[in-house]
Amino acid sequence: MTDRQPGPRPPVRYRPLSPLREHLRESFWFAPLLTCLAAVLLAGLTAELDEAVVSQTVAETGSADELMRFSGAAKAVVSTVSSAMLTFIGVVFSISLVALQMGASQFSPRVLRLYVRSRLTKATFSVCLATFLFALLVQLSYDDSTDPAKVTSVPVFSGLAAVLLILLSLALFVLYVQSTMRLLRVPHVIDRVANESVTVLLHYRLTATGPPPPAVPEDALTLLHEGRSGVLRDVNIGRLLRIARKHDAVLHLVPRIGDFIAPGTPVVRVAGDRPPPPRRIAWALNVGVDRTMHQDLSFGFRQLVDIAIRALSPAVNDPTTAVQSVDRIHQLLAMLVHESFGDLSHRDRAGVIRLVEPVPDWRNVVDLAFTEIRLCGAGHPQVTRRLAAALDDLLRIAPEHRRPELLEQRALLDRAVAAELTDPEVRSFALRPDRQGIG
């Protein structure tokens, strides 16, 4: 589908570190690994400083008696930190499991990615693990000698570093509990999903207008997927641009971000005389078990709709949460109603189009936003009134070529409510637009 206005379309700029950064944010091992390595280095540094302090003290006073008085207290602190920190990590981990279970049951399994991507959650785990590892390494470097004339190391700096780390861990734990409580609140989760959707929208510059990308030639070679099966989470745009430029070709991506692909699925159509090896194309495709917001605008709508229909299920029966989801869907559609839809054209450094990426069109977005909520919420006047208000508002601001899809949804809403509510007065009440549903 091509729905564009004339005018030059600026190229979509690609940030080389963006895919790597996003993939690391989706993982939970990178931050703890870095902090544990930092703990090893810190333990080695403090051990060197402790030995230097003893050497300087002995050289100046001829004895380490003053430091020996401090040694027992410092060793007790480090030993306490080492034993207590493991229990503390267990408490943090237990809180996380409870939060994940409640989030999955209350909202949707799709929103659990918010917990995994939380910087504060990773920082809390990382600092706690680093503190535990640091305390263990410091105990290994202890000098057990009780003779002040023979002692070579007293944990002065090691003890101070352990105290500072435990204070930092406690501060992060308080912030972590506060953040976890916020993530268990429906409005905060919905707001986070909506903000991420806005970020994806701005990143892809759907507001830019321009001519449609070149059509796929009839004799274009179709490359089949040779990797593992899964959801196409995102593509390495920079790598595909380099591949296309090297082979002097234009790559037309067949599946959309979020589609499920299996071995043998068509993934790229190549316009050019020198098609790249399919294996190189497969390396540029990130295929996983679930979707991500990195390059997938529809996934934001999918999460908001999932939260709404779960709230409307008989087991939950929470139409207010569904209304809050509709609020954000209304916001995103209001941003999209004036935008230019069509395949994204990615250019190389010379400005030549090398990659064409399909994106959802206006009808797909509108159907995704309203269909399931309408079907599940037809018997809830609070939801239908909010849907009617959203559709009427979008119809007021939509250009003429965007109105048919919205008018169709408005008519379907009227029919769904008529089928669900037989009383004319109740039906009239349920279809009366209200931005708060039922105030």
Protein backbone atom coordinates (compact mmCIF):
# COMPACT_ATOMS: atom_id res chain seq x y z
CA MET A 1 0.00 0.00 0.00
CA THR A 2 1.30 3.40 -0.91
CA ASP A 3 -0.33 6.50 0.53
CA ARG A 4 1.99 9.44 0.06
CA GLN A 5 2.06 13.07 -0.79
CA PRO A 6 4.55 14.53 -3.26
CA GLY A 7 7.76 15.97 -1.98
CA PRO A 8 11.27 14.84 -1.09
CA ARG A 9 11.58 12.26 1.64
CA PRO A 10 14.65 12.63 3.82
CA PRO A 11 16.55 9.40 4.36
CA VAL A 12 16.05 7.39 7.51
CA ARG A 13 19.27 7.82 9.40
CA TYR A 14 20.70 4.66 10.87
CA ARG A 15 22.53 4.67 14.18
CA PRO A 16 25.20 1.92 14.04
CA LEU A 17 25.16 1.19 17.77
CA SER A 18 21.37 1.14 18.08
CA PRO A 19 20.78 -2.60 17.42
CA LEU A 20 23.60 -3.62 19.76
CA ARG A 21 22.35 -1.26 22.45
CA GLU A 22 18.81 -2.53 22.16
CA HIS A 23 19.84 -6.16 22.28
CA LEU A 24 21.95 -5.56 25.37
CA ARG A 25 19.02 -3.80 27.03
CA GLU A 26 16.88 -6.87 26.35
CA SER A 27 19.47 -9.12 28.04
CA PHE A 28 19.99 -9.48 31.77
CA TRP A 29 23.58 -10.73 31.85
CA PHE A 30 25.58 -7.81 30.48
CA ALA A 31 25.28 -5.34 33.38
CA PRO A 32 26.02 -7.94 36.13
CA LEU A 33 29.01 -9.16 34.13
CA LEU A 34 30.47 -5.66 33.89
CA THR A 35 29.96 -4.92 37.58
CA CYS A 36 31.48 -8.25 38.63
CA LEU A 37 34.55 -7.50 36.53
CA ALA A 38 34.68 -4.07 38.15
CA ALA A 39 34.46 -5.75 41.58
CA VAL A 40 37.46 -7.95 40.74
CA LEU A 41 39.48 -4.91 39.67
CA LEU A 42 38.39 -2.95 42.74
CA ALA A 43 39.38 -5.82 45.04
CA GLY A 44 42.83 -5.94 43.44
CA LEU A 45 43.23 -2.16 43.72
CA THR A 46 42.19 -1.99 47.37
CA ALA A 47 44.51 -4.91 48.19
CA GLU A 48 47.41 -3.00 46.66
CA LEU A 49 46.46 0.13 48.58
CA ASP A 50 46.18 -1.82 51.86
CA GLU A 51 49.68 -3.22 51.40
CA ALA A 52 51.01 0.23 50.54
CA VAL A 53 49.47 1.72 53.70
CA VAL A 54 51.08 -0.96 55.87
CA SER A 55 54.46 -0.48 54.19
CA GLN A 56 54.34 3.30 54.61
CA THR A 57 53.18 3.07 58.23
CA VAL A 58 55.93 0.63 59.14
CA ALA A 59 58.50 2.80 57.37
CA GLU A 60 57.39 5.91 59.26
CA THR A 61 56.68 4.50 62.74
CA GLY A 62 58.49 1.17 62.67
CA SER A 63 55.32 -0.68 63.71
CA ALA A 64 51.80 -1.43 62.49
CA ASP A 65 50.17 -1.44 65.93
CA GLU A 66 47.72 1.37 65.08
CA LEU A 67 46.57 -0.41 61.93
CA MET A 68 46.21 -3.72 63.75
CA ARG A 69 43.61 -2.15 66.05
CA PHE A 70 41.58 -1.31 62.96
CA SER A 71 42.09 -4.71 61.34
CA GLY A 72 39.66 -6.69 63.49
CA ALA A 73 36.77 -4.28 62.96
CA ALA A 74 37.40 -4.07 59.22
CA LYS A 75 37.52 -7.85 58.84
CA ALA A 76 34.28 -8.18 60.82
CA VAL A 77 32.56 -5.68 58.54
CA VAL A 78 33.71 -7.42 55.37
CA SER A 79 32.72 -10.83 56.73
CA THR A 80 29.25 -9.55 57.67
CA VAL A 81 28.78 -8.00 54.25
CA SER A 82 29.79 -11.25 52.56
CA SER A 83 27.34 -13.41 54.51
CA ALA A 84 24.43 -10.96 54.50
CA MET A 85 24.68 -9.94 50.87
CA LEU A 86 23.74 -13.37 49.55
CA THR A 87 20.52 -13.28 51.61
CA PHE A 88 19.87 -9.74 50.41
CA ILE A 89 20.20 -10.86 46.78
CA GLY A 90 17.66 -13.60 47.45
CA VAL A 91 15.19 -11.02 48.78
CA VAL A 92 15.60 -8.84 45.70
CA PHE A 93 15.19 -11.85 43.42
CA SER A 94 12.03 -12.94 45.26
CA ILE A 95 10.50 -9.49 44.90
CA SER A 96 11.24 -9.58 41.19
CA LEU A 97 9.56 -12.96 40.74
CA VAL A 98 6.43 -11.78 42.55
CA ALA A 99 6.36 -8.59 40.44
CA LEU A 100 6.73 -10.58 37.22
CA GLN A 101 3.95 -12.98 38.17
CA MET A 102 1.59 -10.16 39.12
CA GLY A 103 2.45 -8.21 35.97
CA ALA A 104 1.83 -11.21 33.72
CA SER A 105 -1.53 -11.98 35.33
CA GLN A 106 -2.74 -8.40 35.69
CA PHE A 107 -1.59 -6.84 32.42
CA SER A 108 -0.20 -9.11 29.71
CA PRO A 109 2.85 -11.36 29.30
CA ARG A 110 4.01 -8.92 26.60
CA VAL A 111 4.64 -6.14 29.14
CA LEU A 112 7.12 -8.23 31.16
CA ARG A 113 9.78 -6.80 28.89
CA LEU A 114 9.44 -3.57 30.89
CA TYR A 115 10.82 -5.35 33.94
CA VAL A 116 13.66 -6.94 31.99
CA ARG A 117 14.63 -3.63 30.37
CA SER A 118 14.48 -1.65 33.61
CA ARG A 119 17.86 -0.02 34.20
CA LEU A 120 17.19 0.27 37.92
CA THR A 121 16.43 -3.44 38.25
CA LYS A 122 19.66 -4.34 36.49
CA ALA A 123 21.64 -1.82 38.52
CA THR A 124 20.30 -3.21 41.80
CA PHE A 125 21.13 -6.81 40.90
CA SER A 126 24.51 -5.83 39.51
CA VAL A 127 25.65 -3.80 42.51
CA CYS A 128 24.46 -6.46 44.96
CA LEU A 129 26.35 -9.19 43.08
CA ALA A 130 29.43 -6.99 42.82
CA THR A 131 29.34 -6.27 46.55
CA PHE A 132 29.11 -9.97 47.36
CA LEU A 133 31.96 -10.86 45.01
CA PHE A 134 34.11 -7.99 46.30
CA ALA A 135 33.66 -9.11 49.91
CA LEU A 136 34.67 -12.68 49.01
CA LEU A 137 37.80 -11.55 47.18
CA VAL A 138 38.81 -9.25 50.03
CA GLN A 139 38.59 -12.13 52.49
CA LEU A 140 40.89 -14.18 50.26
CA SER A 141 43.51 -11.43 50.48
CA TYR A 142 43.48 -11.29 54.28
CA ASP A 143 46.81 -11.43 56.11
CA ASP A 144 46.15 -13.67 59.11
CA SER A 145 49.34 -12.73 60.90
CA THR A 146 48.80 -11.28 64.41
CA ASP A 147 52.36 -10.05 64.82
CA PRO A 148 52.54 -6.31 64.03
CA ALA A 149 56.11 -6.75 62.87
CA LYS A 150 55.16 -9.37 60.28
CA VAL A 151 51.81 -8.15 59.02
CA THR A 152 51.87 -7.07 55.36
CA SER A 153 48.26 -6.05 54.75
CA VAL A 154 45.43 -4.56 56.79
CA PRO A 155 41.99 -4.13 55.09
CA VAL A 156 41.74 -0.36 55.49
CA PHE A 157 40.63 0.62 52.00
CA SER A 158 38.93 -2.74 51.48
CA GLY A 159 36.74 -2.20 54.52
CA LEU A 160 35.85 1.34 53.48
CA ALA A 161 35.01 0.16 49.95
CA ALA A 162 32.81 -2.61 51.36
CA VAL A 163 30.90 -0.11 53.50
CA LEU A 164 30.39 2.22 50.54
CA LEU A 165 29.16 -0.66 48.36
CA ILE A 166 26.68 -1.82 50.97
CA LEU A 167 25.35 1.74 51.34
CA LEU A 168 24.97 1.96 47.57
CA SER A 169 23.20 -1.40 47.52
CA LEU A 170 20.75 -0.27 50.19
CA ALA A 171 20.01 2.97 48.34
CA LEU A 172 19.41 1.10 45.08
CA PHE A 173 17.20 -1.40 46.89
CA VAL A 174 14.92 1.37 48.16
CA LEU A 175 14.69 2.86 44.66
CA TYR A 176 14.14 -0.59 43.20
CA VAL A 177 11.19 -1.29 45.49
CA GLN A 178 9.68 2.07 44.56
CA SER A 179 10.19 1.38 40.84
CA THR A 180 8.69 -2.11 41.14
CA MET A 181 5.61 -0.71 42.86
CA ARG A 182 5.21 1.79 40.01
CA LEU A 183 5.51 -0.99 37.43
CA LEU A 184 2.65 -2.79 39.14
CA ARG A 185 0.37 0.21 38.58
CA VAL A 186 -1.69 0.10 35.40
CA PRO A 187 -1.36 3.79 34.41
CA HIS A 188 2.42 3.70 34.66
CA VAL A 189 2.73 0.56 32.52
CA ILE A 190 0.37 1.95 29.89
CA ASP A 191 2.27 5.24 29.87
CA ARG A 192 5.58 3.42 29.39
CA VAL A 193 4.24 1.43 26.44
CA ALA A 194 2.80 4.58 24.84
CA ASN A 195 6.04 6.52 25.27
CA GLU A 196 8.05 3.72 23.68
CA SER A 197 5.61 3.68 20.77
CA VAL A 198 6.08 7.41 20.29
CA THR A 199 9.85 6.90 20.27
CA VAL A 200 9.58 4.27 17.53
CA LEU A 201 7.31 6.57 15.54
CA LEU A 202 9.77 9.45 15.73
CA HIS A 203 12.74 7.20 14.96
CA TYR A 204 11.24 6.05 11.70
CA ARG A 205 10.11 9.54 10.74
CA LEU A 206 6.71 8.54 9.49
CA THR A 207 5.97 12.26 9.31
CA ALA A 208 8.31 12.64 6.33
CA THR A 209 6.72 12.68 2.90
CA GLY A 210 8.18 11.68 -0.40
CA PRO A 211 7.77 9.60 -3.53
CA PRO A 212 7.20 5.86 -3.16
CA PRO A 213 10.27 3.61 -3.27
CA PRO A 214 11.12 1.77 -6.49
CA ALA A 215 8.83 -1.12 -7.31
CA VAL A 216 10.11 -4.67 -7.11
CA PRO A 217 11.02 -5.91 -10.60
CA GLU A 218 9.08 -8.95 -11.81
CA ASP A 219 12.31 -10.86 -12.37
CA ALA A 220 13.71 -10.04 -8.91
CA LEU A 221 15.35 -12.95 -7.14
CA THR A 222 13.67 -14.05 -3.91
CA LEU A 223 15.98 -15.17 -1.11
CA LEU A 224 14.61 -17.65 1.42
CA HIS A 225 15.26 -17.65 5.12
CA GLU A 226 17.98 -20.09 6.19
CA GLY A 227 18.13 -19.35 9.90
CA ARG A 228 16.06 -20.58 12.81
CA SER A 229 12.31 -20.17 13.10
CA GLY A 230 10.90 -17.35 15.16
CA VAL A 231 9.57 -13.82 15.20
CA LEU A 232 11.46 -11.22 13.19
CA ARG A 233 12.33 -8.88 16.05
CA ASP A 234 14.38 -6.37 14.07
CA VAL A 235 16.90 -6.13 11.24
CA ASN A 236 20.43 -4.78 11.20
CA ILE A 237 19.78 -1.98 8.76
CA GLY A 238 23.42 -0.91 8.57
CA ARG A 239 24.58 -4.40 7.65
CA LEU A 240 21.90 -4.80 4.99
CA LEU A 241 22.84 -1.42 3.51
CA ARG A 242 26.49 -2.50 3.29
CA ILE A 243 25.52 -5.82 1.70
CA ALA A 244 23.28 -4.12 -0.87
CA ARG A 245 25.92 -1.53 -1.70
CA LYS A 246 28.63 -4.15 -2.10
CA HIS A 247 26.49 -6.11 -4.56
CA ASP A 248 25.03 -2.99 -6.22
CA ALA A 249 21.48 -4.11 -5.47
CA VAL A 250 18.26 -2.97 -3.84
CA LEU A 251 16.91 -5.26 -1.12
CA HIS A 252 13.14 -5.41 -0.62
CA LEU A 253 12.36 -6.93 2.76
CA VAL A 254 9.34 -9.25 2.45
CA PRO A 255 8.17 -9.83 6.06
CA ARG A 256 7.27 -6.98 8.36
CA ILE A 257 8.93 -6.58 11.73
CA GLY A 258 6.95 -8.82 14.09
CA ASP A 259 6.12 -11.50 11.49
CA PHE A 260 6.89 -15.14 12.19
CA ILE A 261 9.36 -16.63 9.75
CA ALA A 262 10.51 -20.22 9.29
CA PRO A 263 13.23 -21.83 7.14
CA GLY A 264 12.14 -21.44 3.54
CA THR A 265 10.10 -18.30 4.17
CA PRO A 266 10.78 -15.55 1.59
CA VAL A 267 12.65 -12.77 3.37
CA VAL A 268 14.23 -10.56 0.72
CA ARG A 269 13.62 -9.80 -2.95
CA VAL A 270 16.77 -8.60 -4.69
CA ALA A 271 16.72 -6.06 -7.50
CA GLY A 272 20.16 -6.41 -9.06
CA ASP A 273 22.41 -8.62 -11.10
CA ARG A 274 24.57 -9.84 -8.19
CA PRO A 275 22.39 -11.22 -5.40
CA PRO A 276 24.12 -11.57 -2.00
CA PRO A 277 24.45 -14.98 -0.33
CA PRO A 278 21.34 -15.88 1.71
CA ARG A 279 23.52 -16.65 4.72
CA ARG A 280 24.70 -13.05 4.90
CA ILE A 281 21.11 -11.86 4.81
CA ALA A 282 20.21 -14.26 7.63
CA TRP A 283 22.97 -12.81 9.81
CA ALA A 284 21.32 -9.38 9.53
CA LEU A 285 17.94 -10.66 10.76
CA ASN A 286 17.33 -10.84 14.50
CA VAL A 287 14.92 -13.75 15.00
CA GLY A 288 13.67 -14.56 18.49
CA VAL A 289 10.78 -15.98 20.46
CA ASP A 290 9.01 -12.66 21.11
CA ARG A 291 8.63 -9.21 19.64
CA THR A 292 10.44 -6.08 20.70
CA MET A 293 9.69 -2.36 20.42
CA HIS A 294 12.99 -1.52 18.76
CA GLN A 295 11.65 -1.34 15.20
CA ASP A 296 8.07 -2.56 15.65
CA LEU A 297 5.46 0.19 15.89
CA SER A 298 2.55 -2.27 15.80
CA PHE A 299 3.85 -3.98 18.94
CA GLY A 300 2.98 -0.90 20.99
CA PHE A 301 -0.65 -1.11 19.85
CA ARG A 302 -0.56 -4.87 20.43
CA GLN A 303 0.43 -4.41 24.08
CA LEU A 304 -2.17 -1.72 24.72
CA VAL A 305 -4.90 -3.85 23.14
CA ASP A 306 -3.81 -6.91 25.12
CA ILE A 307 -4.01 -4.94 28.38
CA ALA A 308 -7.50 -3.73 27.44
CA ILE A 309 -8.98 -7.09 26.44
CA ARG A 310 -7.46 -8.81 29.48
CA ALA A 311 -9.10 -6.17 31.66
CA LEU A 312 -12.41 -6.83 29.90
CA SER A 313 -12.27 -10.60 30.44
CA PRO A 314 -14.88 -12.05 32.84
CA ALA A 315 -12.10 -13.10 35.23
CA VAL A 316 -10.85 -9.51 35.65
CA ASN A 317 -13.83 -7.32 34.66
CA ASP A 318 -11.99 -3.99 34.92
CA PRO A 319 -13.34 -1.67 32.19
CA THR A 320 -11.53 1.34 33.68
CA THR A 321 -8.19 -0.20 32.72
CA ALA A 322 -9.51 -0.75 29.21
CA VAL A 323 -10.49 2.93 29.04
CA GLN A 324 -6.97 3.92 30.07
CA SER A 325 -5.59 1.81 27.23
CA VAL A 326 -8.01 3.44 24.79
CA ASP A 327 -6.75 6.83 25.97
CA ARG A 328 -3.23 5.99 24.79
CA ILE A 329 -4.46 4.34 21.60
CA HIS A 330 -6.33 7.55 20.89
CA GLN A 331 -3.11 9.51 21.47
CA LEU A 332 -1.06 7.38 19.07
CA LEU A 333 -3.69 7.40 16.33
CA ALA A 334 -4.00 11.17 16.62
CA MET A 335 -0.27 11.36 15.92
CA LEU A 336 -0.55 8.98 12.97
CA VAL A 337 -3.68 10.33 11.33
CA HIS A 338 -1.79 12.98 9.36
CA GLU A 339 1.29 10.89 8.66
CA SER A 340 2.44 9.45 5.36
CA PHE A 341 2.29 5.67 5.19
CA GLY A 342 4.23 3.47 2.85
CA ASP A 343 7.35 1.34 2.71
CA LEU A 344 10.42 2.86 4.37
CA SER A 345 13.35 3.58 2.07
CA HIS A 346 16.80 3.32 3.63
CA ARG A 347 19.68 4.96 1.79
CA ASP A 348 23.42 4.41 1.91
CA ARG A 349 25.95 7.19 2.44
CA ALA A 350 25.72 8.20 -1.20
CA GLY A 351 21.96 8.71 -0.89
CA VAL A 352 21.06 5.69 -3.03
CA ILE A 353 18.09 3.60 -1.90
CA ARG A 354 19.44 0.20 -0.90
CA LEU A 355 16.78 -1.23 1.41
CA VAL A 356 12.99 -1.05 1.29
CA GLU A 357 11.20 -2.09 4.47
CA PRO A 358 7.42 -2.73 4.66
CA VAL A 359 5.44 -1.11 7.47
CA PRO A 360 1.76 -1.38 8.47
CA ASP A 361 -0.64 0.87 6.57
CA TRP A 362 -3.39 3.02 8.08
CA ARG A 363 -6.08 0.35 7.81
CA ASN A 364 -3.92 -2.24 9.57
CA VAL A 365 -3.21 0.15 12.43
CA VAL A 366 -6.87 1.15 12.86
CA ASP A 367 -8.05 -2.48 12.76
CA LEU A 368 -5.43 -3.47 15.33
CA ALA A 369 -6.35 -0.57 17.58
CA PHE A 370 -10.13 -1.02 17.72
CA THR A 371 -11.35 -4.44 16.56
CA GLU A 372 -10.62 -6.64 19.58
CA ILE A 373 -11.50 -3.97 22.13
CA ARG A 374 -14.81 -3.39 20.36
CA LEU A 375 -15.65 -7.10 20.33
CA CYS A 376 -14.73 -7.63 23.98
CA GLY A 377 -16.15 -4.36 25.31
CA ALA A 378 -19.45 -4.10 23.44
CA GLY A 379 -21.33 -4.90 26.63
CA HIS A 380 -19.47 -2.32 28.74
CA PRO A 381 -20.93 1.18 28.29
CA GLN A 382 -17.86 2.74 29.87
CA VAL A 383 -15.68 1.27 27.11
CA THR A 384 -18.06 1.88 24.22
CA ARG A 385 -18.57 5.51 25.21
CA ARG A 386 -14.80 6.02 25.29
CA LEU A 387 -14.38 4.28 21.93
CA ALA A 388 -17.10 6.47 20.45
CA ALA A 389 -15.39 9.59 21.78
CA ALA A 390 -12.02 8.50 20.37
CA LEU A 391 -13.45 7.72 16.94
CA ASP A 392 -15.45 10.95 16.78
CA ASP A 393 -12.41 12.96 17.75
CA LEU A 394 -10.25 11.24 15.14
CA LEU A 395 -12.93 11.84 12.51
CA ARG A 396 -12.85 15.55 13.31
CA ILE A 397 -9.10 15.85 12.74
CA ALA A 398 -8.58 13.20 10.04
CA PRO A 399 -8.03 14.22 6.41
CA GLU A 400 -10.62 13.02 3.93
CA HIS A 401 -8.61 10.01 2.70
CA ARG A 402 -8.27 8.68 6.28
CA ARG A 403 -11.94 8.92 7.20
CA PRO A 404 -13.34 5.71 5.56
CA GLU A 405 -11.53 3.37 7.95
CA LEU A 406 -12.66 5.40 10.97
CA LEU A 407 -16.26 5.60 9.72
CA GLU A 408 -16.23 1.84 9.24
CA GLN A 409 -15.07 1.34 12.83
CA ARG A 410 -17.77 3.73 14.07
CA ALA A 411 -20.46 1.79 12.21
CA LEU A 412 -19.12 -1.52 13.52
CA LEU A 413 -19.19 -0.14 17.06
CA ASP A 414 -22.86 0.84 16.64
CA ARG A 415 -23.69 -2.65 15.36
CA ALA A 416 -21.75 -4.39 18.15
CA VAL A 417 -23.52 -2.38 20.85
CA ALA A 418 -26.91 -2.96 19.18
CA ALA A 419 -26.29 -6.71 19.19
CA GLU A 420 -25.20 -6.70 22.82
CA LEU A 421 -27.67 -4.25 24.36
CA THR A 422 -31.31 -4.65 23.33
CA ASP A 423 -32.81 -1.83 25.40
CA PRO A 424 -32.94 1.32 23.19
CA GLU A 425 -32.28 3.70 26.08
CA VAL A 426 -29.33 1.69 27.35
CA ARG A 427 -28.00 1.40 23.80
CA SER A 428 -28.30 5.15 23.29
CA PHE A 429 -26.47 5.74 26.57
CA ALA A 430 -23.69 3.28 25.64
CA LEU A 431 -23.05 5.02 22.32
CA ARG A 432 -22.92 8.56 23.72
CA PRO A 433 -19.30 9.80 23.36
CA ASP A 434 -17.54 10.43 26.66
CA ARG A 435 -13.80 10.96 27.06
CA GLN A 436 -13.93 9.40 30.52
CA GLY A 437 -16.21 6.55 29.56
CA ILE A 438 -18.56 7.08 32.45
CA GLY A 439 -16.98 9.97 34.38
